[in-house]
Amino acid sequence: MKQYYINIFYSEEDKGYIADIPDLKHCSAFGLTEEEALRVAIAS
């Protein structure tokens, strides 16, 4: 199984958290909490 780095940060513009996976082009997820953004990113 391949492992990926996930960068999670707060977006003031979106008023929520973004989980970005730099190694996967165009792969990011939004959540109201860090945990929600991570869950959505992993499910993608």
Protein backbone atom coordinates (compact mmCIF):
# COMPACT_ATOMS: atom_id res chain seq x y z
CA MET A 1 0.00 0.00 0.00
CA LYS A 2 1.35 3.40 -0.95
CA GLN A 3 1.58 6.17 1.66
CA TYR A 4 0.85 9.83 0.93
CA TYR A 5 1.54 13.05 2.79
CA ILE A 6 -1.66 14.98 3.60
CA ASN A 7 -1.47 18.71 4.30
CA ILE A 8 -4.43 20.06 6.31
CA PHE A 9 -4.92 23.81 6.71
CA TYR A 10 -7.65 26.28 7.59
CA SER A 11 -9.04 28.36 4.73
CA GLU A 12 -10.31 31.74 5.89
CA GLU A 13 -11.96 32.23 2.49
CA ASP A 14 -13.89 28.94 2.71
CA LYS A 15 -14.36 29.07 6.51
CA GLY A 16 -13.28 25.46 6.83
CA TYR A 17 -10.39 23.03 6.53
CA ILE A 18 -8.76 21.81 3.35
CA ALA A 19 -6.97 18.46 3.19
CA ASP A 20 -4.56 18.48 0.24
CA ILE A 21 -2.59 15.50 -1.07
CA PRO A 22 0.29 17.04 -3.06
CA ASP A 23 1.35 13.76 -4.70
CA LEU A 24 -2.11 13.28 -6.21
CA LYS A 25 -2.86 15.97 -8.75
CA HIS A 26 -6.16 17.77 -8.12
CA CYS A 27 -6.86 15.82 -4.93
CA SER A 28 -8.16 17.88 -2.03
CA ALA A 29 -11.12 17.73 0.32
CA PHE A 30 -13.12 20.19 2.43
CA GLY A 31 -14.47 19.82 5.97
CA LEU A 32 -15.70 22.01 8.79
CA THR A 33 -13.15 20.31 11.07
CA GLU A 34 -9.67 18.90 10.45
CA GLU A 35 -10.99 15.39 11.11
CA GLU A 36 -13.83 15.78 8.60
CA ALA A 37 -11.50 17.08 5.88
CA LEU A 38 -9.15 14.13 6.49
CA ARG A 39 -12.02 11.61 6.41
CA VAL A 40 -13.27 12.99 3.08
CA ALA A 41 -9.75 13.02 1.60
CA ILE A 42 -9.13 9.40 2.59
CA ALA A 43 -12.49 8.30 1.16
CA SER A 44 -11.72 9.93 -2.20
